C-alpha cells in the first residue's frame, strides 16, 4: 500500500505545480483583452483605400483602435495581452499636445507605434520588440499615439509625414460643411 500512497501524493503535487505554473495561475484567467465596454474608433491612412468596415483585411490601411483616453487606460495600454488581431490596435488620446514617456518592457509581443500631432500627421514611428528595455519620449509634443501589430506601418509603406484620419470627436474638429457646387452649364450644340 505504501507505493500507491506515494503515487497519489506524486500526482497531487504534479497537478498543483502544473496549476500554478501555467499562465493565469490557479485562476484559470487568460491574458486580458479589451475592457468590458471598451470604445473603438476607426483610424485610416489618409489617401489610402478603406475596406468595408466588416472586412478589416490584414493588408488594409484601416485599424479598429481601442481608445485609451484616461490616465489609467493610457498607463495600462496593451500590457497583459498576448497579441493583437489583424486590423486592431490602441489609440492613446491625450488632452493636449505633450511628450509622454513610453516603456515597453512589459509588452509581451512586438508592436509599432506612430506618434501623431493634433491633425493626425505622423511625427515619428517606432518599431518595438517584445519586452524591449528602455523608455522613449517623443522629440516633439504629440496628441495621439496609434499602437498596432509590429511592422504594420512598414508593411504598408506608411512613413513619417503621412497623415492618419481620426474621428472628429477626438480631434475636436467639426465635420466640414457640405458644399454644393453648381452644375456645369450644358454644352452648346455644335453647328
N, C-alpha and C. Protein backbone atom coordinates (compact mmCIF):
# COMPACT_ATOMS: atom_id res chain seq x y z
N UNK A 1 0.81 -1.19 0.00
CA UNK A 1 0.00 0.00 0.00
C UNK A 1 0.86 1.27 0.00
N UNK A 2 2.12 1.17 0.46
CA UNK A 2 2.96 2.36 0.52
C UNK A 2 3.19 2.95 -0.86
N UNK A 3 3.43 2.12 -1.86
CA UNK A 3 3.72 2.63 -3.20
C UNK A 3 2.50 3.33 -3.79
N UNK A 4 1.28 2.85 -3.53
CA UNK A 4 0.09 3.51 -4.09
C UNK A 4 -0.12 4.88 -3.43
N UNK A 5 0.18 4.99 -2.15
CA UNK A 5 0.04 6.27 -1.48
C UNK A 5 1.07 7.27 -2.03
N UNK A 6 2.28 6.78 -2.32
CA UNK A 6 3.30 7.64 -2.89
C UNK A 6 2.90 8.12 -4.28
N UNK A 7 2.28 7.27 -5.05
CA UNK A 7 1.82 7.65 -6.39
C UNK A 7 0.74 8.73 -6.28
N UNK A 8 -0.20 8.56 -5.37
CA UNK A 8 -1.27 9.55 -5.18
C UNK A 8 -0.68 10.89 -4.76
N UNK A 9 0.29 10.88 -3.86
CA UNK A 9 0.94 12.12 -3.42
C UNK A 9 1.69 12.76 -4.59
N UNK A 10 2.40 11.96 -5.38
CA UNK A 10 3.13 12.46 -6.54
C UNK A 10 2.17 13.12 -7.53
N UNK A 11 1.07 12.48 -7.83
CA UNK A 11 0.09 13.02 -8.77
C UNK A 11 -0.50 14.33 -8.24
N UNK A 12 -0.82 14.37 -6.95
CA UNK A 12 -1.38 15.58 -6.35
C UNK A 12 -0.38 16.74 -6.45
N UNK A 13 0.89 16.47 -6.15
CA UNK A 13 1.91 17.52 -6.24
C UNK A 13 2.07 17.95 -7.69
N UNK A 14 2.12 17.01 -8.61
CA UNK A 14 2.27 17.30 -10.03
C UNK A 14 1.14 18.21 -10.51
N UNK A 15 -0.09 17.90 -10.13
CA UNK A 15 -1.24 18.71 -10.54
C UNK A 15 -1.19 20.11 -9.95
N UNK A 16 -0.81 20.23 -8.69
CA UNK A 16 -0.74 21.55 -8.06
C UNK A 16 0.35 22.41 -8.68
N UNK A 17 1.52 21.82 -8.94
CA UNK A 17 2.60 22.57 -9.58
C UNK A 17 2.16 22.99 -10.98
N UNK A 18 1.57 22.11 -11.72
CA UNK A 18 1.08 22.43 -13.06
C UNK A 18 0.04 23.53 -13.04
N UNK A 19 -0.82 23.53 -12.05
CA UNK A 19 -1.86 24.53 -11.93
C UNK A 19 -1.27 25.91 -11.70
N UNK A 20 -0.25 26.02 -10.86
CA UNK A 20 0.33 27.31 -10.55
C UNK A 20 1.36 27.77 -11.57
N UNK A 21 1.90 26.89 -12.39
CA UNK A 21 2.92 27.25 -13.35
C UNK A 21 2.35 27.74 -14.68
N UNK A 22 1.10 27.44 -14.96
CA UNK A 22 0.55 27.86 -16.25
C UNK A 22 0.16 29.33 -16.21
N UNK A 23 0.07 30.01 -17.40
CA UNK A 23 -0.32 31.42 -17.41
C UNK A 23 -1.68 31.59 -16.74
N UNK A 24 -1.78 32.60 -15.90
CA UNK A 24 -3.04 32.85 -15.20
C UNK A 24 -3.09 32.17 -13.85
N UNK A 25 -2.09 31.32 -13.52
CA UNK A 25 -2.05 30.65 -12.22
C UNK A 25 -3.28 29.83 -11.96
N UNK A 26 -3.72 29.79 -10.71
CA UNK A 26 -4.85 28.95 -10.35
C UNK A 26 -6.18 29.57 -10.70
N UNK A 27 -6.19 30.82 -11.18
CA UNK A 27 -7.46 31.46 -11.52
C UNK A 27 -8.01 30.97 -12.84
N UNK A 28 -7.13 30.44 -13.68
CA UNK A 28 -7.57 29.98 -14.99
C UNK A 28 -7.82 31.13 -15.95
N UNK A 29 -7.42 32.36 -15.56
CA UNK A 29 -7.67 33.51 -16.41
C UNK A 29 -6.68 33.53 -17.56
N UNK A 30 -7.11 34.17 -18.63
CA UNK A 30 -6.25 34.35 -19.80
C UNK A 30 -5.79 35.79 -19.82
N UNK A 31 -4.77 36.10 -20.59
CA UNK A 31 -4.34 37.48 -20.69
C UNK A 31 -5.51 38.39 -21.05
N UNK A 32 -5.51 39.57 -20.46
CA UNK A 32 -6.63 40.49 -20.60
C UNK A 32 -6.81 40.96 -22.03
N UNK A 33 -8.03 41.03 -22.46
CA UNK A 33 -8.40 41.63 -23.74
C UNK A 33 -8.95 43.01 -23.45
N UNK A 34 -9.69 43.56 -24.40
CA UNK A 34 -10.28 44.88 -24.15
C UNK A 34 -11.17 44.85 -22.91
N UNK A 35 -11.18 45.95 -22.21
CA UNK A 35 -12.03 46.07 -21.03
C UNK A 35 -13.49 45.98 -21.46
N UNK A 36 -14.35 45.45 -20.61
CA UNK A 36 -15.77 45.42 -20.96
C UNK A 36 -16.24 46.84 -21.25
N UNK A 37 -16.95 47.00 -22.34
CA UNK A 37 -17.46 48.31 -22.73
C UNK A 37 -16.42 49.21 -23.37
N UNK A 38 -15.26 48.66 -23.76
CA UNK A 38 -14.22 49.47 -24.39
C UNK A 38 -14.78 50.13 -25.65
N UNK A 39 -14.30 51.34 -25.90
CA UNK A 39 -14.76 52.10 -27.07
C UNK A 39 -13.73 51.95 -28.18
N UNK A 40 -14.21 51.71 -29.38
CA UNK A 40 -13.35 51.57 -30.54
C UNK A 40 -13.69 52.66 -31.56
N UNK A 41 -12.67 53.11 -32.28
CA UNK A 41 -12.86 54.06 -33.37
C UNK A 41 -12.11 53.54 -34.58
N UNK A 42 -12.51 54.01 -35.75
CA UNK A 42 -11.83 53.63 -36.98
C UNK A 42 -10.79 54.70 -37.31
N UNK A 43 -9.57 54.24 -37.56
CA UNK A 43 -8.47 55.11 -37.94
C UNK A 43 -7.96 54.60 -39.28
N UNK A 44 -7.74 55.52 -40.23
CA UNK A 44 -7.24 55.08 -41.53
C UNK A 44 -6.13 56.01 -41.99
N UNK A 45 -5.37 55.55 -42.96
CA UNK A 45 -4.29 56.34 -43.53
C UNK A 45 -4.90 57.21 -44.63
N UNK A 46 -4.69 58.52 -44.51
CA UNK A 46 -5.26 59.47 -45.48
C UNK A 46 -4.77 59.13 -46.89
N UNK A 47 -5.69 59.17 -47.83
CA UNK A 47 -5.36 58.93 -49.23
C UNK A 47 -5.18 57.48 -49.60
N UNK A 48 -5.44 56.57 -48.68
CA UNK A 48 -5.31 55.14 -48.98
C UNK A 48 -6.70 54.50 -48.95
N UNK A 49 -6.89 53.44 -49.70
CA UNK A 49 -8.23 52.82 -49.77
C UNK A 49 -8.68 52.27 -48.43
N UNK A 50 -9.98 52.45 -48.15
CA UNK A 50 -10.59 51.93 -46.92
C UNK A 50 -11.47 50.75 -47.27
N UNK A 51 -11.30 49.62 -46.59
CA UNK A 51 -12.14 48.46 -46.87
C UNK A 51 -13.51 48.62 -46.24
N UNK A 52 -14.39 47.71 -46.59
CA UNK A 52 -15.69 47.63 -45.93
C UNK A 52 -15.41 47.44 -44.44
N UNK A 53 -16.15 48.13 -43.57
CA UNK A 53 -15.92 48.06 -42.12
C UNK A 53 -15.96 46.62 -41.59
N UNK A 54 -16.69 45.74 -42.25
CA UNK A 54 -16.80 44.35 -41.77
C UNK A 54 -15.60 43.52 -42.21
N UNK A 55 -14.82 44.03 -43.15
CA UNK A 55 -13.71 43.25 -43.70
C UNK A 55 -12.40 44.00 -43.49
N UNK A 56 -11.89 43.95 -42.26
CA UNK A 56 -10.61 44.60 -41.97
C UNK A 56 -9.48 43.63 -42.30
N UNK A 57 -9.17 43.54 -43.56
CA UNK A 57 -8.13 42.61 -44.02
C UNK A 57 -6.79 43.00 -43.41
N UNK A 58 -5.94 42.01 -43.24
CA UNK A 58 -4.63 42.23 -42.64
C UNK A 58 -3.80 43.23 -43.44
N UNK A 59 -4.10 43.38 -44.73
CA UNK A 59 -3.31 44.29 -45.57
C UNK A 59 -3.99 45.64 -45.77
N UNK A 60 -5.09 45.91 -45.08
CA UNK A 60 -5.80 47.17 -45.27
C UNK A 60 -5.06 48.32 -44.58
N UNK A 61 -5.49 49.53 -44.89
CA UNK A 61 -4.92 50.75 -44.31
C UNK A 61 -5.83 51.30 -43.22
N UNK A 62 -6.70 50.46 -42.69
CA UNK A 62 -7.66 50.86 -41.66
C UNK A 62 -7.46 50.02 -40.42
N UNK A 63 -7.60 50.66 -39.26
CA UNK A 63 -7.44 49.99 -37.97
C UNK A 63 -8.66 50.29 -37.11
N UNK A 64 -9.17 49.26 -36.45
CA UNK A 64 -10.18 49.46 -35.40
C UNK A 64 -9.37 49.62 -34.12
N UNK A 65 -9.36 50.83 -33.59
CA UNK A 65 -8.50 51.14 -32.46
C UNK A 65 -9.30 51.32 -31.18
N UNK A 66 -8.89 50.60 -30.15
CA UNK A 66 -9.46 50.77 -28.82
C UNK A 66 -8.95 52.11 -28.28
N UNK A 67 -9.84 52.93 -27.76
CA UNK A 67 -9.48 54.27 -27.29
C UNK A 67 -8.99 54.21 -25.84
N UNK A 68 -7.79 54.74 -25.62
CA UNK A 68 -7.23 54.89 -24.27
C UNK A 68 -7.14 56.38 -24.01
N UNK A 69 -8.19 56.94 -23.40
CA UNK A 69 -8.24 58.39 -23.23
C UNK A 69 -8.28 58.85 -21.77
N UNK A 70 -8.00 57.92 -20.86
CA UNK A 70 -7.89 58.30 -19.45
C UNK A 70 -6.46 57.99 -19.01
N UNK A 71 -6.05 58.62 -17.94
CA UNK A 71 -4.70 58.39 -17.42
C UNK A 71 -4.48 56.90 -17.14
N UNK A 72 -5.47 56.26 -16.54
CA UNK A 72 -5.35 54.84 -16.19
C UNK A 72 -5.27 53.96 -17.44
N UNK A 73 -6.13 54.21 -18.43
CA UNK A 73 -6.12 53.36 -19.63
C UNK A 73 -4.85 53.59 -20.45
N UNK A 74 -4.33 54.82 -20.48
CA UNK A 74 -3.07 55.07 -21.20
C UNK A 74 -1.91 54.39 -20.50
N UNK A 75 -1.91 54.39 -19.18
CA UNK A 75 -0.82 53.76 -18.43
C UNK A 75 -0.83 52.24 -18.64
N UNK A 76 -2.00 51.63 -18.64
CA UNK A 76 -2.10 50.18 -18.82
C UNK A 76 -1.82 49.78 -20.26
N UNK A 77 -2.40 50.51 -21.20
CA UNK A 77 -2.18 50.21 -22.61
C UNK A 77 -2.51 48.77 -22.95
N UNK A 78 -1.62 48.12 -23.66
CA UNK A 78 -1.82 46.72 -24.08
C UNK A 78 -1.08 45.73 -23.18
N UNK A 79 -0.53 46.20 -22.07
CA UNK A 79 0.19 45.32 -21.15
C UNK A 79 -0.78 44.27 -20.61
N UNK A 80 -0.33 43.04 -20.54
CA UNK A 80 -1.16 41.94 -20.04
C UNK A 80 -1.87 41.18 -21.15
N UNK A 81 -1.74 41.64 -22.37
CA UNK A 81 -2.35 40.94 -23.50
C UNK A 81 -1.29 40.14 -24.24
N UNK A 82 -1.73 39.12 -24.95
CA UNK A 82 -0.75 38.27 -25.64
C UNK A 82 -0.65 38.58 -27.13
N UNK A 83 -1.31 39.60 -27.61
CA UNK A 83 -1.21 39.98 -29.02
C UNK A 83 -2.39 40.82 -29.46
N UNK A 84 -2.37 41.17 -30.74
CA UNK A 84 -3.45 41.93 -31.36
C UNK A 84 -3.91 41.18 -32.60
N UNK A 85 -5.20 41.17 -32.82
CA UNK A 85 -5.74 40.58 -34.04
C UNK A 85 -5.43 41.51 -35.21
N UNK A 86 -5.30 40.97 -36.42
CA UNK A 86 -5.07 41.84 -37.58
C UNK A 86 -6.18 42.88 -37.69
N UNK A 87 -5.78 44.11 -37.99
CA UNK A 87 -6.75 45.18 -38.16
C UNK A 87 -7.15 45.88 -36.88
N UNK A 88 -6.53 45.53 -35.75
CA UNK A 88 -6.88 46.14 -34.47
C UNK A 88 -5.65 46.78 -33.83
N UNK A 89 -5.90 47.76 -32.95
CA UNK A 89 -4.82 48.44 -32.26
C UNK A 89 -5.36 49.23 -31.09
N UNK A 90 -4.54 50.14 -30.58
CA UNK A 90 -4.94 51.01 -29.48
C UNK A 90 -4.54 52.43 -29.85
N UNK A 91 -5.47 53.37 -29.62
CA UNK A 91 -5.21 54.78 -29.86
C UNK A 91 -5.15 55.49 -28.52
N UNK A 92 -3.96 55.99 -28.17
CA UNK A 92 -3.77 56.75 -26.95
C UNK A 92 -4.14 58.20 -27.28
N UNK A 93 -5.07 58.76 -26.52
CA UNK A 93 -5.55 60.11 -26.76
C UNK A 93 -5.18 60.96 -25.55
N UNK A 94 -4.46 62.06 -25.79
CA UNK A 94 -4.05 62.97 -24.73
C UNK A 94 -4.88 64.24 -24.82
N UNK A 95 -5.14 64.89 -23.67
CA UNK A 95 -5.99 66.08 -23.68
C UNK A 95 -5.39 67.26 -24.46
N UNK A 96 -4.11 67.26 -24.65
CA UNK A 96 -3.43 68.31 -25.41
C UNK A 96 -2.06 67.80 -25.80
N UNK A 97 -1.35 68.52 -26.67
CA UNK A 97 -0.01 68.08 -27.07
C UNK A 97 0.91 67.95 -25.85
N UNK A 98 1.64 66.84 -25.79
CA UNK A 98 2.59 66.60 -24.71
C UNK A 98 3.62 65.57 -25.15
N UNK A 99 4.60 65.35 -24.31
CA UNK A 99 5.68 64.39 -24.62
C UNK A 99 5.60 63.25 -23.62
N UNK A 100 4.68 62.28 -23.83
CA UNK A 100 4.53 61.18 -22.88
C UNK A 100 5.72 60.22 -22.93
N UNK A 101 5.97 59.59 -21.82
CA UNK A 101 7.06 58.61 -21.72
C UNK A 101 6.48 57.22 -21.93
N UNK A 102 7.07 56.46 -22.86
CA UNK A 102 6.62 55.10 -23.14
C UNK A 102 7.67 54.10 -22.68
N UNK A 103 7.20 53.05 -22.02
CA UNK A 103 8.06 51.96 -21.55
C UNK A 103 7.40 50.66 -21.99
N UNK A 104 8.08 49.93 -22.87
CA UNK A 104 7.51 48.71 -23.45
C UNK A 104 8.08 47.45 -22.81
N UNK A 105 8.76 47.55 -21.67
CA UNK A 105 9.43 46.40 -21.08
C UNK A 105 8.46 45.28 -20.68
N UNK A 106 7.20 45.59 -20.45
CA UNK A 106 6.22 44.56 -20.08
C UNK A 106 5.37 44.11 -21.26
N UNK A 107 5.69 44.59 -22.46
CA UNK A 107 4.92 44.24 -23.65
C UNK A 107 5.31 42.84 -24.11
N UNK A 108 4.34 41.94 -24.21
CA UNK A 108 4.59 40.53 -24.50
C UNK A 108 4.66 40.21 -25.99
N UNK A 109 4.54 41.20 -26.85
CA UNK A 109 4.58 40.95 -28.29
C UNK A 109 5.08 42.22 -28.99
N UNK A 110 5.62 42.11 -30.21
CA UNK A 110 6.13 43.30 -30.90
C UNK A 110 4.99 44.21 -31.37
N UNK A 111 5.22 45.51 -31.28
CA UNK A 111 4.25 46.50 -31.74
C UNK A 111 4.96 47.58 -32.53
N UNK A 112 4.17 48.35 -33.25
CA UNK A 112 4.65 49.55 -33.94
C UNK A 112 3.81 50.71 -33.44
N UNK A 113 4.45 51.82 -33.12
CA UNK A 113 3.76 52.99 -32.61
C UNK A 113 4.00 54.17 -33.54
N UNK A 114 2.92 54.87 -33.88
CA UNK A 114 3.01 56.12 -34.63
C UNK A 114 2.64 57.25 -33.68
N UNK A 115 3.51 58.24 -33.57
CA UNK A 115 3.29 59.39 -32.71
C UNK A 115 2.75 60.51 -33.60
N UNK A 116 1.57 61.02 -33.23
CA UNK A 116 0.82 61.92 -34.11
C UNK A 116 0.62 63.31 -33.52
N UNK A 117 0.65 64.29 -34.39
CA UNK A 117 0.30 65.65 -33.99
C UNK A 117 -1.21 65.80 -33.90
N UNK A 118 -1.71 66.98 -33.53
CA UNK A 118 -3.15 67.20 -33.37
C UNK A 118 -3.97 66.95 -34.63
N UNK A 119 -3.34 67.12 -35.80
CA UNK A 119 -4.06 66.92 -37.06
C UNK A 119 -3.92 65.49 -37.60
N UNK A 120 -3.26 64.60 -36.86
CA UNK A 120 -3.09 63.21 -37.29
C UNK A 120 -1.83 62.99 -38.10
N UNK A 121 -1.02 64.04 -38.31
CA UNK A 121 0.24 63.88 -39.05
C UNK A 121 1.21 63.03 -38.23
N UNK A 122 1.85 62.07 -38.89
CA UNK A 122 2.80 61.20 -38.21
C UNK A 122 4.12 61.93 -38.02
N UNK A 123 4.51 62.11 -36.74
CA UNK A 123 5.74 62.81 -36.39
C UNK A 123 6.90 61.84 -36.20
N UNK A 124 6.59 60.60 -35.81
CA UNK A 124 7.62 59.60 -35.57
C UNK A 124 6.96 58.22 -35.58
N UNK A 125 7.70 57.21 -35.98
CA UNK A 125 7.24 55.81 -35.93
C UNK A 125 8.32 55.00 -35.25
N UNK A 126 7.92 54.16 -34.31
CA UNK A 126 8.86 53.30 -33.59
C UNK A 126 8.44 51.85 -33.77
N UNK A 127 9.42 50.97 -34.02
CA UNK A 127 9.22 49.53 -34.06
C UNK A 127 9.71 49.01 -32.72
N UNK A 128 8.85 48.32 -31.98
CA UNK A 128 9.19 47.88 -30.64
C UNK A 128 9.21 46.36 -30.57
N UNK A 129 10.30 45.81 -30.09
CA UNK A 129 10.43 44.36 -29.93
C UNK A 129 9.73 43.92 -28.64
N UNK A 130 9.43 42.66 -28.57
CA UNK A 130 8.85 42.07 -27.36
C UNK A 130 9.76 42.36 -26.17
N UNK A 131 9.19 42.87 -25.08
CA UNK A 131 9.91 43.18 -23.83
C UNK A 131 11.11 44.11 -24.05
N UNK A 132 10.99 45.05 -24.98
CA UNK A 132 12.08 45.99 -25.25
C UNK A 132 12.37 46.83 -24.00
N UNK A 133 13.63 46.92 -23.67
CA UNK A 133 14.05 47.66 -22.47
C UNK A 133 14.30 49.12 -22.82
N UNK A 134 14.15 49.99 -21.83
CA UNK A 134 14.40 51.41 -22.01
C UNK A 134 13.11 52.16 -22.28
N UNK A 135 13.09 53.41 -21.92
CA UNK A 135 11.91 54.25 -22.12
C UNK A 135 12.15 55.16 -23.33
N UNK A 136 11.05 55.66 -23.87
CA UNK A 136 11.12 56.56 -25.03
C UNK A 136 10.17 57.73 -24.80
N UNK A 137 10.67 58.92 -25.07
CA UNK A 137 9.86 60.12 -25.04
C UNK A 137 10.00 60.77 -26.41
N UNK A 138 8.88 61.07 -27.08
CA UNK A 138 8.99 61.67 -28.42
C UNK A 138 9.69 63.03 -28.37
N UNK A 139 10.37 63.37 -29.45
CA UNK A 139 11.10 64.64 -29.52
C UNK A 139 10.15 65.83 -29.58
N UNK A 140 9.01 65.63 -30.25
CA UNK A 140 8.02 66.69 -30.39
C UNK A 140 6.78 66.34 -29.58
N UNK A 141 6.03 67.33 -29.10
CA UNK A 141 4.78 67.03 -28.41
C UNK A 141 3.80 66.33 -29.36
N UNK A 142 3.09 65.35 -28.82
CA UNK A 142 2.11 64.59 -29.61
C UNK A 142 0.75 64.70 -28.94
N UNK A 143 -0.30 64.47 -29.73
CA UNK A 143 -1.65 64.46 -29.19
C UNK A 143 -2.23 63.05 -29.18
N UNK A 144 -1.73 62.20 -30.09
CA UNK A 144 -2.22 60.83 -30.23
C UNK A 144 -1.04 59.89 -30.47
N UNK A 145 -1.22 58.63 -30.08
CA UNK A 145 -0.26 57.57 -30.42
C UNK A 145 -1.09 56.37 -30.85
N UNK A 146 -0.83 55.86 -32.06
CA UNK A 146 -1.52 54.66 -32.54
C UNK A 146 -0.56 53.49 -32.42
N UNK A 147 -0.99 52.47 -31.64
CA UNK A 147 -0.17 51.28 -31.41
C UNK A 147 -0.84 50.10 -32.12
N UNK A 148 -0.08 49.45 -33.01
CA UNK A 148 -0.60 48.34 -33.81
C UNK A 148 0.41 47.19 -33.78
N UNK A 149 0.05 46.10 -34.46
CA UNK A 149 0.97 44.96 -34.53
C UNK A 149 2.32 45.38 -35.11
N UNK A 150 3.38 44.72 -34.65
CA UNK A 150 4.72 45.03 -35.12
C UNK A 150 4.83 44.97 -36.63
N UNK A 151 5.43 45.99 -37.23
CA UNK A 151 5.66 46.04 -38.68
C UNK A 151 4.50 46.58 -39.49
N UNK A 152 3.37 46.92 -38.86
CA UNK A 152 2.17 47.34 -39.59
C UNK A 152 2.46 48.52 -40.51
N UNK A 153 3.09 49.56 -40.01
CA UNK A 153 3.36 50.75 -40.81
C UNK A 153 4.36 50.45 -41.92
N UNK A 154 5.41 49.74 -41.58
CA UNK A 154 6.45 49.39 -42.55
C UNK A 154 5.88 48.53 -43.68
N UNK A 155 5.05 47.55 -43.34
CA UNK A 155 4.47 46.65 -44.35
C UNK A 155 3.61 47.40 -45.35
N UNK A 156 3.06 48.55 -44.97
CA UNK A 156 2.16 49.31 -45.83
C UNK A 156 2.82 50.54 -46.44
N UNK A 157 4.09 50.73 -46.15
CA UNK A 157 4.81 51.89 -46.69
C UNK A 157 4.37 53.21 -46.07
N UNK A 158 3.81 53.15 -44.87
CA UNK A 158 3.38 54.36 -44.17
C UNK A 158 4.61 54.95 -43.47
N UNK A 159 4.83 56.27 -43.69
CA UNK A 159 6.05 56.91 -43.19
C UNK A 159 5.74 58.19 -42.41
N UNK A 160 6.78 58.69 -41.77
CA UNK A 160 6.70 59.99 -41.09
C UNK A 160 6.27 61.01 -42.14
N UNK A 161 5.32 61.86 -41.77
CA UNK A 161 4.79 62.86 -42.69
C UNK A 161 3.42 62.47 -43.24
N UNK A 162 3.14 61.17 -43.32
CA UNK A 162 1.80 60.73 -43.74
C UNK A 162 0.83 61.16 -42.65
N UNK A 163 -0.46 61.16 -42.97
CA UNK A 163 -1.48 61.60 -42.01
C UNK A 163 -2.49 60.49 -41.80
N UNK A 164 -2.89 60.31 -40.54
CA UNK A 164 -3.94 59.37 -40.21
C UNK A 164 -5.25 60.14 -40.04
N UNK A 165 -6.33 59.57 -40.54
CA UNK A 165 -7.64 60.17 -40.41
C UNK A 165 -8.25 59.66 -39.11
N UNK A 166 -8.51 60.61 -38.20
CA UNK A 166 -9.06 60.29 -36.89
C UNK A 166 -10.50 60.81 -36.81
N UNK A 167 -11.33 60.20 -35.99
CA UNK A 167 -12.70 60.69 -35.85
C UNK A 167 -12.73 62.13 -35.34
N UNK A 168 -13.66 62.92 -35.89
CA UNK A 168 -13.80 64.33 -35.49
C UNK A 168 -14.00 64.49 -33.99
N UNK A 169 -14.69 63.53 -33.38
CA UNK A 169 -14.96 63.62 -31.93
C UNK A 169 -13.67 63.64 -31.11
N UNK A 170 -12.58 63.07 -31.65
CA UNK A 170 -11.32 63.03 -30.92
C UNK A 170 -10.43 64.22 -31.23
N UNK A 171 -10.51 64.73 -32.44
CA UNK A 171 -9.63 65.84 -32.83
C UNK A 171 -10.21 67.18 -32.43
N UNK A 172 -11.50 67.20 -32.08
CA UNK A 172 -12.14 68.45 -31.71
C UNK A 172 -12.52 69.29 -32.91
N UNK A 173 -12.40 68.72 -34.09
CA UNK A 173 -12.76 69.45 -35.31
C UNK A 173 -14.17 69.06 -35.71
N UNK A 174 -14.86 70.02 -36.24
CA UNK A 174 -16.20 69.71 -36.74
C UNK A 174 -16.07 69.17 -38.14
N UNK A 175 -17.03 68.33 -38.51
CA UNK A 175 -17.04 67.82 -39.87
C UNK A 175 -17.24 68.99 -40.83
N UNK A 176 -16.55 68.98 -41.96
CA UNK A 176 -16.72 70.09 -42.89
C UNK A 176 -18.15 70.16 -43.40
N UNK A 177 -18.62 71.40 -43.57
CA UNK A 177 -19.98 71.58 -44.09
C UNK A 177 -20.02 71.11 -45.53
N UNK A 178 -21.14 70.52 -45.89
CA UNK A 178 -21.30 70.05 -47.27
C UNK A 178 -21.39 71.26 -48.19
N UNK A 179 -20.67 71.20 -49.26
CA UNK A 179 -20.75 72.29 -50.23
C UNK A 179 -21.44 71.77 -51.47
N UNK A 180 -22.23 72.61 -52.03
CA UNK A 180 -22.95 72.24 -53.26
C UNK A 180 -22.34 73.04 -54.38
N UNK A 181 -21.78 72.36 -55.33
CA UNK A 181 -21.20 73.02 -56.49
C UNK A 181 -22.29 73.16 -57.55
N UNK A 182 -22.36 74.30 -58.21
CA UNK A 182 -23.36 74.43 -59.25
C UNK A 182 -23.09 73.45 -60.37
N UNK A 183 -24.14 72.94 -60.94
CA UNK A 183 -23.99 72.02 -62.06
C UNK A 183 -23.42 72.78 -63.25
N UNK A 184 -22.54 72.13 -64.01
CA UNK A 184 -21.98 72.83 -65.17
C UNK A 184 -23.09 73.12 -66.20
N UNK A 185 -22.93 74.23 -66.87
CA UNK A 185 -23.91 74.60 -67.91
C UNK A 185 -23.83 73.58 -69.05
N UNK A 186 -24.97 73.24 -69.62
CA UNK A 186 -24.91 72.29 -70.72
C UNK A 186 -24.13 72.87 -71.90
N UNK A 187 -23.41 72.03 -72.55
CA UNK A 187 -22.60 72.45 -73.69
C UNK A 187 -23.51 72.88 -74.82
N UNK A 188 -23.06 73.90 -75.55
CA UNK A 188 -23.82 74.37 -76.71
C UNK A 188 -23.71 73.34 -77.81
N UNK A 189 -24.81 73.07 -78.48
CA UNK A 189 -24.70 72.10 -79.58
C UNK A 189 -23.79 72.65 -80.70
N UNK A 190 -23.01 71.78 -81.25
CA UNK A 190 -22.09 72.17 -82.35
C UNK A 190 -22.91 72.51 -83.58
N UNK A 191 -22.54 73.59 -84.32
CA UNK A 191 -23.26 73.99 -85.51
C UNK A 191 -22.49 73.69 -86.74
